[in-house]
Each structure stands twice: as structure tokens, then as C-alpha cells.
């Protein structure tokens, strides 16, 4: 089953109502070939459960790690992945594009 953006945001709200710490990652910019469009979301809760997608592959793992850090320190961040980035091949964004993702704790 593919989750809609509404499903993802509703899940974030439900997790918060349950008292869980939650972070939301949002694609804020793309350039060239990118797997997900601007506005795509990934929600992560304190136990590592997640829903949604901002890219796919290993990029998602890196974003989940950043989300866990945002939950822990409360600081929002912008992270970028792309072919010019030395980690592009390692995290799986070798498709010729670039993405920027905003990650924030939801209080």
C-alpha cells in the first residue's frame, strides 16, 4: 500500500497525540532527476518507526538518522544529497539529481 501525503501527516499527528516524539522530513527542493517531488514527506517517531518517502534507497536511511538527531536535540536542519556530493553513490542518489530536505521535530 502506498501512503498519501495526508496519511503521513495524519500518522504524525496521531503519534504526537500518543505522546511519541516525532520528526518530519520534507523535500524542499529538487534539481534534475529526483525520485520524489517537492512536498514529499517522511515521518519518523522516537522508536524508529516511519512512514512515507523522501527519496528511496540509502538516502532514506540517512534522513531517518537525521530525524532521530532532530528528535533528540530539537534543532531543525536542511540536508542535501546529490551527484556533486561525495556521498551520492554511497547513499544511492546517483541518478543525476539533487534533493534538499528539511527535517524538524514536531512538538
PDB file of N, CA and C in Angstrom:
ATOM      1  N   UNK A   1       0.827  -1.175   0.000  1.00  0.00           N
ATOM      2  CA  UNK A   1       0.000   0.000   0.000  1.00  0.00           C
ATOM      3  C   UNK A   1       0.879   1.250   0.000  1.00  0.00           C
ATOM      4  N   UNK A   2       0.566   2.182  -0.860  1.00  0.00           N
ATOM      5  CA  UNK A   2       1.295   3.441  -0.925  1.00  0.00           C
ATOM      6  C   UNK A   2       0.567   4.463  -0.058  1.00  0.00           C
ATOM      7  N   UNK A   3       1.303   5.126   0.807  1.00  0.00           N
ATOM      8  CA  UNK A   3       0.719   6.124   1.694  1.00  0.00           C
ATOM      9  C   UNK A   3       0.639   7.466   0.981  1.00  0.00           C
ATOM     10  N   UNK A   4      -0.466   8.166   1.194  1.00  0.00           N
ATOM     11  CA  UNK A   4      -0.608   9.503   0.648  1.00  0.00           C
ATOM     12  C   UNK A   4       0.021  10.502   1.614  1.00  0.00           C
ATOM     13  N   UNK A   5       0.247  11.718   1.126  1.00  0.00           N
ATOM     14  CA  UNK A   5       0.791  12.761   1.999  1.00  0.00           C
ATOM     15  C   UNK A   5      -0.144  12.984   3.183  1.00  0.00           C
ATOM     16  N   UNK A   6      -1.443  12.903   2.955  1.00  0.00           N
ATOM     17  CA  UNK A   6      -2.416  13.059   4.037  1.00  0.00           C
ATOM     18  C   UNK A   6      -2.258  11.945   5.077  1.00  0.00           C
ATOM     19  N   UNK A   7      -2.063  10.694   4.618  1.00  0.00           N
ATOM     20  CA  UNK A   7      -1.834   9.572   5.545  1.00  0.00           C
ATOM     21  C   UNK A   7      -0.615   9.836   6.423  1.00  0.00           C
ATOM     22  N   UNK A   8       0.437  10.340   5.795  1.00  0.00           N
ATOM     23  CA  UNK A   8       1.695  10.575   6.502  1.00  0.00           C
ATOM     24  C   UNK A   8       1.513  11.640   7.576  1.00  0.00           C
ATOM     25  N   UNK A   9       0.884  12.745   7.219  1.00  0.00           N
ATOM     26  CA  UNK A   9       0.674  13.834   8.189  1.00  0.00           C
ATOM     27  C   UNK A   9      -0.301  13.420   9.278  1.00  0.00           C
ATOM     28  N   UNK A  10      -1.330  12.656   8.927  1.00  0.00           N
ATOM     29  CA  UNK A  10      -2.267  12.160   9.943  1.00  0.00           C
ATOM     30  C   UNK A  10      -1.573  11.199  10.901  1.00  0.00           C
ATOM     31  N   UNK A  11      -0.662  10.393  10.393  1.00  0.00           N
ATOM     32  CA  UNK A  11       0.101   9.492  11.257  1.00  0.00           C
ATOM     33  C   UNK A  11       0.987  10.284  12.208  1.00  0.00           C
ATOM     34  N   UNK A  12       1.640  11.336  11.696  1.00  0.00           N
ATOM     35  CA  UNK A  12       2.459  12.196  12.558  1.00  0.00           C
ATOM     36  C   UNK A  12       1.621  12.768  13.692  1.00  0.00           C
ATOM     37  N   UNK A  13       0.435  13.264  13.359  1.00  0.00           N
ATOM     38  CA  UNK A  13      -0.451  13.840  14.376  1.00  0.00           C
ATOM     39  C   UNK A  13      -0.889  12.779  15.389  1.00  0.00           C
ATOM     40  N   UNK A  14      -1.197  11.587  14.920  1.00  0.00           N
ATOM     41  CA  UNK A  14      -1.625  10.506  15.823  1.00  0.00           C
ATOM     42  C   UNK A  14      -0.494  10.097  16.757  1.00  0.00           C
ATOM     43  N   UNK A  15       0.721   9.982  16.212  1.00  0.00           N
ATOM     44  CA  UNK A  15       1.867   9.634  17.059  1.00  0.00           C
ATOM     45  C   UNK A  15       2.094  10.695  18.125  1.00  0.00           C
ATOM     46  N   UNK A  16       1.947  11.969  17.777  1.00  0.00           N
ATOM     47  CA  UNK A  16       2.112  13.048  18.765  1.00  0.00           C
ATOM     48  C   UNK A  16       1.021  12.946  19.828  1.00  0.00           C
ATOM     49  N   UNK A  17      -0.232  12.710  19.401  1.00  0.00           N
ATOM     50  CA  UNK A  17      -1.328  12.561  20.376  1.00  0.00           C
ATOM     51  C   UNK A  17      -1.053  11.411  21.340  1.00  0.00           C
ATOM     52  N   UNK A  18      -0.352  10.380  20.859  1.00  0.00           N
ATOM     53  CA  UNK A  18       0.001   9.239  21.708  1.00  0.00           C
ATOM     54  C   UNK A  18       1.197   9.533  22.612  1.00  0.00           C
ATOM     55  N   UNK A  19       1.738  10.741  22.510  1.00  0.00           N
ATOM     56  CA  UNK A  19       2.856  11.133  23.360  1.00  0.00           C
ATOM     57  C   UNK A  19       4.224  10.761  22.824  1.00  0.00           C
ATOM     58  N   UNK A  20       4.285  10.315  21.585  1.00  0.00           N
ATOM     59  CA  UNK A  20       5.570   9.949  21.000  1.00  0.00           C
ATOM     60  C   UNK A  20       6.298  11.186  20.464  1.00  0.00           C
ATOM     61  N   UNK A  21       7.615  11.158  20.532  1.00  0.00           N
ATOM     62  CA  UNK A  21       8.433  12.202  19.914  1.00  0.00           C
ATOM     63  C   UNK A  21       8.498  11.903  18.417  1.00  0.00           C
ATOM     64  N   UNK A  22       8.336  12.965  17.607  1.00  0.00           N
ATOM     65  CA  UNK A  22       8.187  12.789  16.162  1.00  0.00           C
ATOM     66  C   UNK A  22       9.005  13.834  15.413  1.00  0.00           C
ATOM     67  N   UNK A  23       9.560  13.420  14.284  1.00  0.00           N
ATOM     68  CA  UNK A  23      10.213  14.360  13.361  1.00  0.00           C
ATOM     69  C   UNK A  23       9.594  14.185  11.980  1.00  0.00           C
ATOM     70  N   UNK A  24       9.566  15.287  11.251  1.00  0.00           N
ATOM     71  CA  UNK A  24       9.025  15.294   9.897  1.00  0.00           C
ATOM     72  C   UNK A  24      10.099  15.768   8.937  1.00  0.00           C
ATOM     73  N   UNK A  25      10.313  14.997   7.884  1.00  0.00           N
ATOM     74  CA  UNK A  25      11.244  15.376   6.819  1.00  0.00           C
ATOM     75  C   UNK A  25      10.415  15.728   5.584  1.00  0.00           C
ATOM     76  N   UNK A  26      10.769  16.852   4.957  1.00  0.00           N
ATOM     77  CA  UNK A  26      10.031  17.334   3.789  1.00  0.00           C
ATOM     78  C   UNK A  26      11.001  17.690   2.676  1.00  0.00           C
ATOM     79  N   UNK A  27      10.741  17.196   1.467  1.00  0.00           N
ATOM     80  CA  UNK A  27      11.544  17.588   0.309  1.00  0.00           C
ATOM     81  C   UNK A  27      11.212  19.047   0.000  1.00  0.00           C
ATOM     82  N   UNK A  28      12.243  19.921   0.047  1.00  0.00           N
ATOM     83  CA  UNK A  28      12.007  21.345  -0.186  1.00  0.00           C
ATOM     84  C   UNK A  28      12.563  21.835  -1.523  1.00  0.00           C
ATOM     85  N   UNK A  29      13.425  21.025  -2.148  1.00  0.00           N
ATOM     86  CA  UNK A  29      13.972  21.431  -3.436  1.00  0.00           C
ATOM     87  C   UNK A  29      14.510  20.210  -4.165  1.00  0.00           C
ATOM     88  N   UNK A  30      14.299  20.184  -5.473  1.00  0.00           N
ATOM     89  CA  UNK A  30      14.903  19.149  -6.303  1.00  0.00           C
ATOM     90  C   UNK A  30      15.529  19.818  -7.517  1.00  0.00           C
ATOM     91  N   UNK A  31      16.479  19.131  -8.102  1.00  0.00           N
ATOM     92  CA  UNK A  31      17.100  19.588  -9.330  1.00  0.00           C
ATOM     93  C   UNK A  31      17.458  18.352 -10.143  1.00  0.00           C
ATOM     94  N   UNK A  32      17.165  18.378 -11.428  1.00  0.00           N
ATOM     95  CA  UNK A  32      17.460  17.221 -12.268  1.00  0.00           C
ATOM     96  C   UNK A  32      16.563  16.055 -11.925  1.00  0.00           C
ATOM     97  N   UNK A  33      17.104  14.872 -12.030  1.00  0.00           N
ATOM     98  CA  UNK A  33      16.354  13.657 -11.765  1.00  0.00           C
ATOM     99  C   UNK A  33      16.285  13.415 -10.259  1.00  0.00           C
ATOM    100  N   UNK A  34      15.076  13.404  -9.733  1.00  0.00           N
ATOM    101  CA  UNK A  34      14.877  13.165  -8.303  1.00  0.00           C
ATOM    102  C   UNK A  34      13.717  12.186  -8.145  1.00  0.00           C
ATOM    103  N   UNK A  35      13.836  11.225  -7.239  1.00  0.00           N
ATOM    104  CA  UNK A  35      12.817  10.189  -7.107  1.00  0.00           C
ATOM    105  C   UNK A  35      11.480  10.659  -6.533  1.00  0.00           C
ATOM    106  N   UNK A  36      11.482  11.727  -5.742  1.00  0.00           N
ATOM    107  CA  UNK A  36      10.238  12.218  -5.118  1.00  0.00           C
ATOM    108  C   UNK A  36      10.131  13.722  -5.334  1.00  0.00           C
ATOM    109  N   UNK A  37       8.922  14.240  -5.530  1.00  0.00           N
ATOM    110  CA  UNK A  37       8.752  15.671  -5.793  1.00  0.00           C
ATOM    111  C   UNK A  37       8.826  16.524  -4.531  1.00  0.00           C
ATOM    112  N   UNK A  38       8.990  17.818  -4.740  1.00  0.00           N
ATOM    113  CA  UNK A  38       8.925  18.786  -3.647  1.00  0.00           C
ATOM    114  C   UNK A  38       7.600  18.592  -2.911  1.00  0.00           C
ATOM    115  N   UNK A  39       7.668  18.656  -1.586  1.00  0.00           N
ATOM    116  CA  UNK A  39       6.478  18.476  -0.761  1.00  0.00           C
ATOM    117  C   UNK A  39       6.304  17.061  -0.230  1.00  0.00           C
ATOM    118  N   UNK A  40       7.108  16.114  -0.720  1.00  0.00           N
ATOM    119  CA  UNK A  40       7.023  14.738  -0.219  1.00  0.00           C
ATOM    120  C   UNK A  40       7.500  14.691   1.228  1.00  0.00           C
ATOM    121  N   UNK A  41       6.874  13.805   2.017  1.00  0.00           N
ATOM    122  CA  UNK A  41       7.158  13.724   3.449  1.00  0.00           C
ATOM    123  C   UNK A  41       7.582  12.327   3.886  1.00  0.00           C
ATOM    124  N   UNK A  42       8.362  12.317   4.959  1.00  0.00           N
ATOM    125  CA  UNK A  42       8.716  11.108   5.699  1.00  0.00           C
ATOM    126  C   UNK A  42       8.589  11.471   7.171  1.00  0.00           C
ATOM    127  N   UNK A  43       7.778  10.732   7.911  1.00  0.00           N
ATOM    128  CA  UNK A  43       7.625  10.973   9.337  1.00  0.00           C
ATOM    129  C   UNK A  43       8.303   9.837  10.094  1.00  0.00           C
ATOM    130  N   UNK A  44       9.004  10.207  11.166  1.00  0.00           N
ATOM    131  CA  UNK A  44       9.767   9.248  11.973  1.00  0.00           C
ATOM    132  C   UNK A  44       9.404   9.476  13.430  1.00  0.00           C
ATOM    133  N   UNK A  45       9.190   8.380  14.156  1.00  0.00           N
ATOM    134  CA  UNK A  45       8.915   8.516  15.588  1.00  0.00           C
ATOM    135  C   UNK A  45      10.078   7.973  16.392  1.00  0.00           C
ATOM    136  N   UNK A  46      10.067   8.272  17.674  1.00  0.00           N
ATOM    137  CA  UNK A  46      11.220   8.034  18.545  1.00  0.00           C
ATOM    138  C   UNK A  46      11.727   6.601  18.571  1.00  0.00           C
ATOM    139  N   UNK A  47      10.883   5.626  18.304  1.00  0.00           N
ATOM    140  CA  UNK A  47      11.319   4.229  18.314  1.00  0.00           C
ATOM    141  C   UNK A  47      11.828   3.760  16.961  1.00  0.00           C
ATOM    142  N   UNK A  48      11.882   4.689  15.990  1.00  0.00           N
ATOM    143  CA  UNK A  48      12.409   4.348  14.677  1.00  0.00           C
ATOM    144  C   UNK A  48      11.372   3.940  13.656  1.00  0.00           C
ATOM    145  N   UNK A  49      10.105   3.894  14.058  1.00  0.00           N
ATOM    146  CA  UNK A  49       9.055   3.621  13.083  1.00  0.00           C
ATOM    147  C   UNK A  49       8.934   4.816  12.144  1.00  0.00           C
ATOM    148  N   UNK A  50       8.616   4.562  10.885  1.00  0.00           N
ATOM    149  CA  UNK A  50       8.495   5.656   9.931  1.00  0.00           C
ATOM    150  C   UNK A  50       7.450   5.340   8.875  1.00  0.00           C
ATOM    151  N   UNK A  51       7.006   6.395   8.210  1.00  0.00           N
ATOM    152  CA  UNK A  51       6.027   6.269   7.140  1.00  0.00           C
ATOM    153  C   UNK A  51       6.307   7.355   6.126  1.00  0.00           C
ATOM    154  N   UNK A  52       6.206   7.022   4.848  1.00  0.00           N
ATOM    155  CA  UNK A  52       6.401   7.990   3.784  1.00  0.00           C
ATOM    156  C   UNK A  52       7.722   7.780   3.075  1.00  0.00           C
ATOM    157  N   UNK A  53       8.057   8.742   2.217  1.00  0.00           N
ATOM    158  CA  UNK A  53       9.278   8.633   1.443  1.00  0.00           C
ATOM    159  C   UNK A  53       9.718  10.002   0.946  1.00  0.00           C
ATOM    160  N   UNK A  54      11.004  10.263   1.053  1.00  0.00           N
ATOM    161  CA  UNK A  54      11.575  11.492   0.503  1.00  0.00           C
ATOM    162  C   UNK A  54      12.552  11.207  -0.620  1.00  0.00           C
ATOM    163  N   UNK A  55      12.907   9.939  -0.813  1.00  0.00           N
ATOM    164  CA  UNK A  55      13.833   9.611  -1.891  1.00  0.00           C
ATOM    165  C   UNK A  55      13.830   8.137  -2.227  1.00  0.00           C
ATOM    166  N   UNK A  56      14.101   7.312  -1.273  1.00  0.00           N
ATOM    167  CA  UNK A  56      14.252   5.888  -1.513  1.00  0.00           C
ATOM    168  C   UNK A  56      15.690   5.467  -1.247  1.00  0.00           C
ATOM    169  N   UNK A  57      15.895   4.192  -1.185  1.00  0.00           N
ATOM    170  CA  UNK A  57      17.238   3.663  -1.008  1.00  0.00           C
ATOM    171  C   UNK A  57      17.896   4.134   0.272  1.00  0.00           C
ATOM    172  N   UNK A  58      19.210   4.276   0.183  1.00  0.00           N
ATOM    173  CA  UNK A  58      20.008   4.624   1.357  1.00  0.00           C
ATOM    174  C   UNK A  58      19.810   6.068   1.800  1.00  0.00           C
ATOM    175  N   UNK A  59      19.316   6.935   0.913  1.00  0.00           N
ATOM    176  CA  UNK A  59      19.031   8.314   1.310  1.00  0.00           C
ATOM    177  C   UNK A  59      18.038   8.311   2.461  1.00  0.00           C
ATOM    178  N   UNK A  60      17.036   7.455   2.364  1.00  0.00           N
ATOM    179  CA  UNK A  60      16.027   7.407   3.423  1.00  0.00           C
ATOM    180  C   UNK A  60      16.659   7.030   4.761  1.00  0.00           C
ATOM    181  N   UNK A  61      17.604   6.104   4.744  1.00  0.00           N
ATOM    182  CA  UNK A  61      18.290   5.736   5.983  1.00  0.00           C
ATOM    183  C   UNK A  61      19.023   6.917   6.594  1.00  0.00           C
ATOM    184  N   UNK A  62      19.683   7.699   5.750  1.00  0.00           N
ATOM    185  CA  UNK A  62      20.389   8.890   6.235  1.00  0.00           C
ATOM    186  C   UNK A  62      19.406   9.925   6.777  1.00  0.00           C
ATOM    187  N   UNK A  63      18.262  10.069   6.130  1.00  0.00           N
ATOM    188  CA  UNK A  63      17.250  11.025   6.598  1.00  0.00           C
ATOM    189  C   UNK A  63      16.652  10.561   7.925  1.00  0.00           C
ATOM    190  N   UNK A  64      16.424   9.271   8.070  1.00  0.00           N
ATOM    191  CA  UNK A  64      15.901   8.741   9.336  1.00  0.00           C
ATOM    192  C   UNK A  64      16.889   9.003  10.468  1.00  0.00           C
ATOM    193  N   UNK A  65      18.170   8.858  10.200  1.00  0.00           N
ATOM    194  CA  UNK A  65      19.200   9.165  11.200  1.00  0.00           C
ATOM    195  C   UNK A  65      19.151  10.641  11.580  1.00  0.00           C
ATOM    196  N   UNK A  66      19.029  11.517  10.588  1.00  0.00           N
ATOM    197  CA  UNK A  66      18.926  12.965  10.858  1.00  0.00           C
ATOM    198  C   UNK A  66      17.660  13.272  11.649  1.00  0.00           C
ATOM    199  N   UNK A  67      16.569  12.572  11.338  1.00  0.00           N
ATOM    200  CA  UNK A  67      15.315  12.782  12.061  1.00  0.00           C
ATOM    201  C   UNK A  67      15.467  12.387  13.528  1.00  0.00           C
ATOM    202  N   UNK A  68      16.160  11.286  13.782  1.00  0.00           N
ATOM    203  CA  UNK A  68      16.412  10.863  15.165  1.00  0.00           C
ATOM    204  C   UNK A  68      17.234  11.915  15.898  1.00  0.00           C
ATOM    205  N   UNK A  69      18.213  12.498  15.206  1.00  0.00           N
ATOM    206  CA  UNK A  69      19.016  13.567  15.812  1.00  0.00           C
ATOM    207  C   UNK A  69      18.155  14.794  16.097  1.00  0.00           C
ATOM    208  N   UNK A  70      17.247  15.129  15.183  1.00  0.00           N
ATOM    209  CA  UNK A  70      16.353  16.280  15.387  1.00  0.00           C
ATOM    210  C   UNK A  70      15.411  16.041  16.562  1.00  0.00           C
ATOM    211  N   UNK A  71      14.947  14.803  16.711  1.00  0.00           N
ATOM    212  CA  UNK A  71      14.113  14.473  17.867  1.00  0.00           C
ATOM    213  C   UNK A  71      14.913  14.683  19.150  1.00  0.00           C
ATOM    214  N   UNK A  72      16.163  14.246  19.145  1.00  0.00           N
ATOM    215  CA  UNK A  72      16.995  14.324  20.340  1.00  0.00           C
ATOM    216  C   UNK A  72      17.390  15.748  20.706  1.00  0.00           C
ATOM    217  N   UNK A  73      17.791  16.557  19.712  1.00  0.00           N
ATOM    218  CA  UNK A  73      18.297  17.897  20.041  1.00  0.00           C
ATOM    219  C   UNK A  73      17.327  19.038  19.755  1.00  0.00           C
ATOM    220  N   UNK A  74      16.224  18.738  19.083  1.00  0.00           N
ATOM    221  CA  UNK A  74      15.217  19.754  18.814  1.00  0.00           C
ATOM    222  C   UNK A  74      15.594  20.766  17.755  1.00  0.00           C
ATOM    223  N   UNK A  75      16.732  20.571  17.098  1.00  0.00           N
ATOM    224  CA  UNK A  75      17.190  21.549  16.107  1.00  0.00           C
ATOM    225  C   UNK A  75      16.790  21.123  14.693  1.00  0.00           C
ATOM    226  N   UNK A  76      16.087  22.013  13.984  1.00  0.00           N
ATOM    227  CA  UNK A  76      15.778  21.696  12.587  1.00  0.00           C
ATOM    228  C   UNK A  76      17.041  21.752  11.746  1.00  0.00           C
ATOM    229  N   UNK A  77      17.024  21.083  10.606  1.00  0.00           N
ATOM    230  CA  UNK A  77      18.185  21.077   9.725  1.00  0.00           C
ATOM    231  C   UNK A  77      17.756  20.881   8.289  1.00  0.00           C
ATOM    232  N   UNK A  78      18.600  21.348   7.385  1.00  0.00           N
ATOM    233  CA  UNK A  78      18.432  21.107   5.960  1.00  0.00           C
ATOM    234  C   UNK A  78      19.590  20.232   5.525  1.00  0.00           C
ATOM    235  N   UNK A  79      19.256  19.124   4.891  1.00  0.00           N
ATOM    236  CA  UNK A  79      20.293  18.224   4.393  1.00  0.00           C
ATOM    237  C   UNK A  79      20.149  18.114   2.879  1.00  0.00           C
ATOM    238  N   UNK A  80      21.258  17.872   2.215  1.00  0.00           N
ATOM    239  CA  UNK A  80      21.264  17.828   0.759  1.00  0.00           C
ATOM    240  C   UNK A  80      22.003  16.589   0.280  1.00  0.00           C
ATOM    241  N   UNK A  81      21.459  15.999  -0.757  1.00  0.00           N
ATOM    242  CA  UNK A  81      22.072  14.842  -1.397  1.00  0.00           C
ATOM    243  C   UNK A  81      22.073  15.101  -2.894  1.00  0.00           C
ATOM    244  N   UNK A  82      23.173  14.748  -3.549  1.00  0.00           N
ATOM    245  CA  UNK A  82      23.217  14.917  -4.989  1.00  0.00           C
ATOM    246  C   UNK A  82      24.472  14.354  -5.595  1.00  0.00           C
ATOM    247  N   UNK A  83      24.511  14.381  -6.924  1.00  0.00           N
ATOM    248  CA  UNK A  83      25.644  13.777  -7.622  1.00  0.00           C
ATOM    249  C   UNK A  83      26.945  14.512  -7.365  1.00  0.00           C
ATOM    250  N   UNK A  84      26.876  15.792  -7.022  1.00  0.00           N
ATOM    251  CA  UNK A  84      28.099  16.537  -6.733  1.00  0.00           C
ATOM    252  C   UNK A  84      28.622  16.205  -5.340  1.00  0.00           C
ATOM    253  N   UNK A  85      27.768  15.634  -4.533  1.00  0.00           N
ATOM    254  CA  UNK A  85      28.110  15.267  -3.167  1.00  0.00           C
ATOM    255  C   UNK A  85      28.944  13.987  -3.196  1.00  0.00           C
ATOM    256  N   UNK A  86      30.027  13.953  -2.459  1.00  0.00           N
ATOM    257  CA  UNK A  86      30.891  12.776  -2.456  1.00  0.00           C
ATOM    258  C   UNK A  86      30.186  11.537  -1.939  1.00  0.00           C
ATOM    259  N   UNK A  87      29.064  11.723  -1.233  1.00  0.00           N
ATOM    260  CA  UNK A  87      28.336  10.578  -0.715  1.00  0.00           C
ATOM    261  C   UNK A  87      27.229  10.115  -1.646  1.00  0.00           C
ATOM    262  N   UNK A  88      27.085  10.740  -2.818  1.00  0.00           N
ATOM    263  CA  UNK A  88      25.975  10.417  -3.717  1.00  0.00           C
ATOM    264  C   UNK A  88      25.894   8.928  -4.031  1.00  0.00           C
ATOM    265  N   UNK A  89      26.992   8.337  -4.391  1.00  0.00           N
ATOM    266  CA  UNK A  89      26.964   6.912  -4.722  1.00  0.00           C
ATOM    267  C   UNK A  89      26.718   6.073  -3.486  1.00  0.00           C
ATOM    268  N   UNK A  90      27.286   6.483  -2.381  1.00  0.00           N
ATOM    269  CA  UNK A  90      27.150   5.695  -1.155  1.00  0.00           C
ATOM    270  C   UNK A  90      25.708   5.665  -0.669  1.00  0.00           C
ATOM    271  N   UNK A  91      24.987   6.797  -0.770  1.00  0.00           N
ATOM    272  CA  UNK A  91      23.609   6.836  -0.272  1.00  0.00           C
ATOM    273  C   UNK A  91      22.581   6.553  -1.350  1.00  0.00           C
ATOM    274  N   UNK A  92      23.024   6.320  -2.576  1.00  0.00           N
ATOM    275  CA  UNK A  92      22.102   5.861  -3.598  1.00  0.00           C
ATOM    276  C   UNK A  92      21.451   6.928  -4.439  1.00  0.00           C
ATOM    277  N   UNK A  93      22.001   8.142  -4.496  1.00  0.00           N
ATOM    278  CA  UNK A  93      21.422   9.187  -5.336  1.00  0.00           C
ATOM    279  C   UNK A  93      22.369   9.464  -6.500  1.00  0.00           C
ATOM    280  N   UNK A  94      22.593   8.449  -7.278  1.00  0.00           N
ATOM    281  CA  UNK A  94      23.498   8.579  -8.417  1.00  0.00           C
ATOM    282  C   UNK A  94      22.721   8.785  -9.722  1.00  0.00           C
ATOM    283  N   UNK A  95      21.474   9.216  -9.608  1.00  0.00           N
ATOM    284  CA  UNK A  95      20.586   9.326 -10.762  1.00  0.00           C
ATOM    285  C   UNK A  95      20.770  10.634 -11.528  1.00  0.00           C
ATOM    286  N   UNK A  96      21.651  11.479 -11.085  1.00  0.00           N
ATOM    287  CA  UNK A  96      21.893  12.728 -11.800  1.00  0.00           C
ATOM    288  C   UNK A  96      21.160  13.916 -11.214  1.00  0.00           C
ATOM    289  N   UNK A  97      20.545  13.765 -10.073  1.00  0.00           N
ATOM    290  CA  UNK A  97      19.777  14.850  -9.478  1.00  0.00           C
ATOM    291  C   UNK A  97      20.325  15.300  -8.148  1.00  0.00           C
ATOM    292  N   UNK A  98      19.589  16.224  -7.546  1.00  0.00           N
ATOM    293  CA  UNK A  98      19.942  16.741  -6.224  1.00  0.00           C
ATOM    294  C   UNK A  98      18.640  16.992  -5.480  1.00  0.00           C
ATOM    295  N   UNK A  99      18.630  16.703  -4.199  1.00  0.00           N
ATOM    296  CA  UNK A  99      17.468  16.995  -3.362  1.00  0.00           C
ATOM    297  C   UNK A  99      17.914  17.680  -2.082  1.00  0.00           C
ATOM    298  N   UNK A 100      17.070  18.583  -1.606  1.00  0.00           N
ATOM    299  CA  UNK A 100      17.258  19.214  -0.297  1.00  0.00           C
ATOM    300  C   UNK A 100      16.052  18.853   0.540  1.00  0.00           C
ATOM    301  N   UNK A 101      16.324  18.497   1.795  1.00  0.00           N
ATOM    302  CA  UNK A 101      15.283  18.020   2.694  1.00  0.00           C
ATOM    303  C   UNK A 101      15.360  18.782   4.003  1.00  0.00           C
ATOM    304  N   UNK A 102      14.216  19.305   4.439  1.00  0.00           N
ATOM    305  CA  UNK A 102      14.106  19.989   5.718  1.00  0.00           C
ATOM    306  C   UNK A 102      13.620  18.976   6.742  1.00  0.00           C
ATOM    307  N   UNK A 103      14.327  18.860   7.860  1.00  0.00           N
ATOM    308  CA  UNK A 103      13.992  17.913   8.921  1.00  0.00           C
ATOM    309  C   UNK A 103      13.728  18.699  10.198  1.00  0.00           C
ATOM    310  N   UNK A 104      12.574  18.446  10.820  1.00  0.00           N
ATOM    311  CA  UNK A 104      12.219  19.172  12.047  1.00  0.00           C
ATOM    312  C   UNK A 104      11.488  18.281  13.022  1.00  0.00           C
ATOM    313  N   UNK A 105      11.729  18.536  14.315  1.00  0.00           N
ATOM    314  CA  UNK A 105      10.956  17.853  15.350  1.00  0.00           C
ATOM    315  C   UNK A 105       9.584  18.507  15.407  1.00  0.00           C
ATOM    316  N   UNK A 106       8.568  17.695  15.560  1.00  0.00           N
ATOM    317  CA  UNK A 106       7.191  18.190  15.681  1.00  0.00           C
ATOM    318  C   UNK A 106       6.826  18.195  17.151  1.00  0.00           C
ATOM    319  N   UNK A 107       6.574  19.376  17.686  1.00  0.00           N
ATOM    320  CA  UNK A 107       6.210  19.484  19.110  1.00  0.00           C
ATOM    321  C   UNK A 107       4.731  19.727  19.290  1.00  0.00           C
TER     322      UNK A 107
END
